[in-house]
Amino acid sequence: MRRRTKEGVSLVILLLAGLILGNLLGEILGSRFPVLAPLAESRGIALGPCSLDLMVISLTLGLGLRVNLVGVVGALVGIILWWRR
């Protein structure tokens, strides 16, 4: 059971690293080379703020994700790296 947890954590880390590095690379390439500008176009998914008020403490949560094409490729590379290890 512990091994599965470690595998899941490593998958999430590689997936997020691929997304972050891919988005960063896409933004750099899109800003430097106008021909590659479509690679830098980001699409967003957002979950608006949700509030929980318990009289003593108030909690507000929200989640947003912006991904470009190179970020998706980076995430796929992360999944492939996880699969091949």
N, C-alpha and C. Protein backbone atom coordinates (compact mmCIF):
# COMPACT_ATOMS: atom_id res chain seq x y z
N MET A 1 0.83 -1.19 0.00
CA MET A 1 0.00 0.00 0.00
C MET A 1 0.87 1.25 0.00
N ARG A 2 1.96 1.23 0.73
CA ARG A 2 2.84 2.38 0.80
C ARG A 2 3.48 2.65 -0.56
N ARG A 3 3.79 1.61 -1.30
CA ARG A 3 4.41 1.77 -2.62
C ARG A 3 3.46 2.48 -3.58
N ARG A 4 2.18 2.13 -3.53
CA ARG A 4 1.20 2.79 -4.40
C ARG A 4 1.11 4.28 -4.10
N THR A 5 1.19 4.64 -2.83
CA THR A 5 1.13 6.05 -2.46
C THR A 5 2.33 6.79 -3.02
N LYS A 6 3.52 6.19 -2.91
CA LYS A 6 4.72 6.82 -3.46
C LYS A 6 4.64 6.95 -4.97
N GLU A 7 4.08 5.95 -5.63
CA GLU A 7 3.93 6.02 -7.09
C GLU A 7 2.96 7.13 -7.48
N GLY A 8 1.89 7.27 -6.74
CA GLY A 8 0.93 8.33 -7.03
C GLY A 8 1.51 9.71 -6.82
N VAL A 9 2.28 9.86 -5.75
CA VAL A 9 2.91 11.14 -5.47
C VAL A 9 3.93 11.47 -6.55
N SER A 10 4.71 10.48 -6.99
CA SER A 10 5.71 10.75 -8.03
C SER A 10 5.03 11.09 -9.36
N LEU A 11 3.89 10.47 -9.65
CA LEU A 11 3.15 10.80 -10.87
C LEU A 11 2.66 12.24 -10.82
N VAL A 12 2.10 12.65 -9.71
CA VAL A 12 1.59 14.02 -9.58
C VAL A 12 2.74 15.03 -9.69
N ILE A 13 3.88 14.73 -9.07
CA ILE A 13 5.02 15.64 -9.14
C ILE A 13 5.52 15.77 -10.57
N LEU A 14 5.68 14.65 -11.28
CA LEU A 14 6.14 14.70 -12.67
C LEU A 14 5.13 15.39 -13.57
N LEU A 15 3.86 15.17 -13.33
CA LEU A 15 2.81 15.81 -14.12
C LEU A 15 2.83 17.33 -13.92
N LEU A 16 2.90 17.77 -12.68
CA LEU A 16 2.94 19.21 -12.40
C LEU A 16 4.23 19.84 -12.91
N ALA A 17 5.35 19.14 -12.75
CA ALA A 17 6.62 19.68 -13.26
C ALA A 17 6.57 19.83 -14.78
N GLY A 18 6.00 18.84 -15.47
CA GLY A 18 5.86 18.93 -16.92
C GLY A 18 4.97 20.07 -17.34
N LEU A 19 3.86 20.26 -16.63
CA LEU A 19 2.95 21.37 -16.94
C LEU A 19 3.62 22.72 -16.72
N ILE A 20 4.29 22.88 -15.60
CA ILE A 20 4.92 24.16 -15.28
C ILE A 20 6.04 24.48 -16.26
N LEU A 21 6.93 23.51 -16.48
CA LEU A 21 8.05 23.75 -17.40
C LEU A 21 7.56 23.94 -18.84
N GLY A 22 6.55 23.18 -19.24
CA GLY A 22 5.99 23.34 -20.58
C GLY A 22 5.33 24.69 -20.77
N ASN A 23 4.56 25.14 -19.78
CA ASN A 23 3.94 26.46 -19.87
C ASN A 23 4.98 27.56 -19.94
N LEU A 24 6.01 27.42 -19.13
CA LEU A 24 7.08 28.41 -19.14
C LEU A 24 7.79 28.43 -20.50
N LEU A 25 8.12 27.27 -21.02
CA LEU A 25 8.76 27.18 -22.33
C LEU A 25 7.85 27.74 -23.43
N GLY A 26 6.57 27.43 -23.38
CA GLY A 26 5.63 27.96 -24.37
C GLY A 26 5.53 29.47 -24.33
N GLU A 27 5.51 30.04 -23.13
CA GLU A 27 5.47 31.50 -23.00
C GLU A 27 6.75 32.13 -23.55
N ILE A 28 7.90 31.55 -23.26
CA ILE A 28 9.18 32.09 -23.75
C ILE A 28 9.24 32.01 -25.27
N LEU A 29 8.90 30.84 -25.82
CA LEU A 29 8.95 30.68 -27.28
C LEU A 29 7.94 31.59 -27.97
N GLY A 30 6.75 31.72 -27.39
CA GLY A 30 5.72 32.57 -27.99
C GLY A 30 6.08 34.04 -27.97
N SER A 31 6.79 34.48 -26.94
CA SER A 31 7.15 35.89 -26.87
C SER A 31 8.36 36.23 -27.73
N ARG A 32 9.26 35.31 -27.91
CA ARG A 32 10.49 35.56 -28.69
C ARG A 32 10.30 35.38 -30.19
N PHE A 33 9.47 34.42 -30.56
CA PHE A 33 9.26 34.12 -31.98
C PHE A 33 7.78 34.28 -32.33
N PRO A 34 7.42 35.31 -33.08
CA PRO A 34 6.01 35.56 -33.41
C PRO A 34 5.34 34.39 -34.15
N VAL A 35 6.12 33.61 -34.89
CA VAL A 35 5.54 32.48 -35.61
C VAL A 35 5.01 31.43 -34.62
N LEU A 36 5.62 31.34 -33.46
CA LEU A 36 5.23 30.36 -32.45
C LEU A 36 4.25 30.92 -31.42
N ALA A 37 3.68 32.08 -31.70
CA ALA A 37 2.75 32.72 -30.77
C ALA A 37 1.54 31.83 -30.41
N PRO A 38 1.02 31.02 -31.35
CA PRO A 38 -0.10 30.16 -30.95
C PRO A 38 0.27 29.15 -29.85
N LEU A 39 1.55 28.84 -29.69
CA LEU A 39 1.95 27.93 -28.62
C LEU A 39 1.78 28.57 -27.25
N ALA A 40 1.82 29.89 -27.20
CA ALA A 40 1.73 30.60 -25.92
C ALA A 40 0.29 30.90 -25.52
N GLU A 41 -0.66 30.65 -26.40
CA GLU A 41 -2.06 30.91 -26.06
C GLU A 41 -2.50 29.95 -24.97
N SER A 42 -2.97 30.52 -23.88
CA SER A 42 -3.39 29.72 -22.74
C SER A 42 -4.91 29.64 -22.66
N ARG A 43 -5.37 28.51 -22.22
CA ARG A 43 -6.79 28.31 -21.93
C ARG A 43 -6.91 28.07 -20.44
N GLY A 44 -7.95 28.60 -19.87
CA GLY A 44 -8.08 28.51 -18.42
C GLY A 44 -9.30 27.73 -17.97
N ILE A 45 -9.13 27.08 -16.85
CA ILE A 45 -10.22 26.40 -16.16
C ILE A 45 -10.20 26.95 -14.74
N ALA A 46 -11.34 27.37 -14.25
CA ALA A 46 -11.35 27.97 -12.91
C ALA A 46 -12.54 27.46 -12.10
N LEU A 47 -12.29 27.28 -10.84
CA LEU A 47 -13.32 26.97 -9.87
C LEU A 47 -13.38 28.16 -8.95
N GLY A 48 -14.46 28.89 -9.00
CA GLY A 48 -14.57 30.15 -8.26
C GLY A 48 -14.44 29.98 -6.76
N PRO A 49 -14.31 31.08 -6.07
CA PRO A 49 -14.14 30.99 -4.62
C PRO A 49 -15.36 30.38 -3.94
N CYS A 50 -15.07 29.50 -3.01
CA CYS A 50 -16.10 28.85 -2.21
C CYS A 50 -15.80 29.16 -0.75
N SER A 51 -16.77 29.68 -0.04
CA SER A 51 -16.54 30.10 1.35
C SER A 51 -17.23 29.19 2.34
N LEU A 52 -16.56 28.98 3.47
CA LEU A 52 -17.11 28.21 4.57
C LEU A 52 -16.92 29.05 5.83
N ASP A 53 -18.03 29.45 6.45
CA ASP A 53 -17.96 30.27 7.66
C ASP A 53 -18.45 29.44 8.84
N LEU A 54 -17.55 29.19 9.81
CA LEU A 54 -17.87 28.37 10.97
C LEU A 54 -17.96 29.20 12.25
N MET A 55 -18.27 30.47 12.13
CA MET A 55 -18.41 31.42 13.23
C MET A 55 -17.05 31.75 13.88
N VAL A 56 -16.19 30.80 14.04
CA VAL A 56 -14.89 31.03 14.67
C VAL A 56 -13.83 31.25 13.60
N ILE A 57 -13.96 30.54 12.52
CA ILE A 57 -12.98 30.62 11.43
C ILE A 57 -13.74 30.66 10.11
N SER A 58 -13.18 31.41 9.18
CA SER A 58 -13.76 31.51 7.85
C SER A 58 -12.72 31.01 6.85
N LEU A 59 -13.16 30.17 5.93
CA LEU A 59 -12.26 29.56 4.96
C LEU A 59 -12.79 29.82 3.56
N THR A 60 -11.93 30.32 2.68
CA THR A 60 -12.29 30.57 1.29
C THR A 60 -11.30 29.86 0.39
N LEU A 61 -11.80 29.05 -0.52
CA LEU A 61 -10.96 28.28 -1.43
C LEU A 61 -11.34 28.56 -2.88
N GLY A 62 -10.35 28.54 -3.74
CA GLY A 62 -10.56 28.69 -5.18
C GLY A 62 -9.42 28.00 -5.91
N LEU A 63 -9.66 27.64 -7.14
CA LEU A 63 -8.65 26.93 -7.92
C LEU A 63 -8.71 27.42 -9.36
N GLY A 64 -7.55 27.70 -9.92
CA GLY A 64 -7.47 28.12 -11.32
C GLY A 64 -6.32 27.43 -12.01
N LEU A 65 -6.50 27.08 -13.26
CA LEU A 65 -5.47 26.39 -14.03
C LEU A 65 -5.45 26.98 -15.43
N ARG A 66 -4.27 27.44 -15.87
CA ARG A 66 -4.09 27.96 -17.22
C ARG A 66 -3.04 27.12 -17.90
N VAL A 67 -3.40 26.56 -19.04
CA VAL A 67 -2.52 25.62 -19.74
C VAL A 67 -2.41 26.02 -21.20
N ASN A 68 -1.18 25.94 -21.74
CA ASN A 68 -1.00 26.13 -23.17
C ASN A 68 -0.60 24.80 -23.80
N LEU A 69 -0.42 24.79 -25.11
CA LEU A 69 -0.16 23.56 -25.84
C LEU A 69 1.16 22.91 -25.41
N VAL A 70 2.19 23.71 -25.20
CA VAL A 70 3.48 23.15 -24.80
C VAL A 70 3.38 22.58 -23.39
N GLY A 71 2.55 23.15 -22.54
CA GLY A 71 2.33 22.62 -21.20
C GLY A 71 1.70 21.23 -21.24
N VAL A 72 0.77 21.03 -22.15
CA VAL A 72 0.15 19.71 -22.32
C VAL A 72 1.20 18.70 -22.77
N VAL A 73 2.06 19.11 -23.71
CA VAL A 73 3.13 18.23 -24.17
C VAL A 73 4.08 17.92 -23.00
N GLY A 74 4.39 18.90 -22.19
CA GLY A 74 5.24 18.69 -21.01
C GLY A 74 4.61 17.72 -20.03
N ALA A 75 3.30 17.81 -19.83
CA ALA A 75 2.60 16.88 -18.95
C ALA A 75 2.66 15.46 -19.52
N LEU A 76 2.51 15.32 -20.83
CA LEU A 76 2.61 14.00 -21.45
C LEU A 76 4.02 13.43 -21.31
N VAL A 77 5.03 14.27 -21.43
CA VAL A 77 6.41 13.82 -21.21
C VAL A 77 6.59 13.35 -19.77
N GLY A 78 6.01 14.06 -18.82
CA GLY A 78 6.06 13.64 -17.42
C GLY A 78 5.41 12.30 -17.19
N ILE A 79 4.27 12.06 -17.84
CA ILE A 79 3.58 10.77 -17.72
C ILE A 79 4.42 9.66 -18.34
N ILE A 80 5.03 9.94 -19.49
CA ILE A 80 5.88 8.94 -20.14
C ILE A 80 7.08 8.62 -19.27
N LEU A 81 7.70 9.64 -18.67
CA LEU A 81 8.83 9.40 -17.76
C LEU A 81 8.42 8.56 -16.57
N TRP A 82 7.24 8.81 -16.02
CA TRP A 82 6.75 8.03 -14.89
C TRP A 82 6.48 6.58 -15.31
N TRP A 83 5.93 6.42 -16.49
CA TRP A 83 5.57 5.08 -16.98
C TRP A 83 6.81 4.23 -17.24
N ARG A 84 7.88 4.84 -17.76
CA ARG A 84 9.08 4.11 -18.15
C ARG A 84 10.03 3.78 -17.02
N ARG A 85 9.85 4.36 -15.87
CA ARG A 85 10.82 4.12 -14.78
C ARG A 85 10.72 2.77 -14.22
